[in-house]
Amino acid sequence: MSDDTSMQDYLAQHPRMIGVLFTLFVLLSQTGTVAAGISSQVGP
């Protein structure tokens, strides 16, 4: 059994985790965008 199959089995048994993982990835991508926006000021 590969890791991919076990992850699919886990998500099939716990469908709420699909939404949790999606939300986590969205928050992480937004955090990176905000951090890049803060540090990109040019000038004094």
Foldseek 3Di string as FASTA:
>chain_A
DDPVVVVVVVCVVPVVVVVVVVVVVVVVVVVVVVVVVVPPDDDD
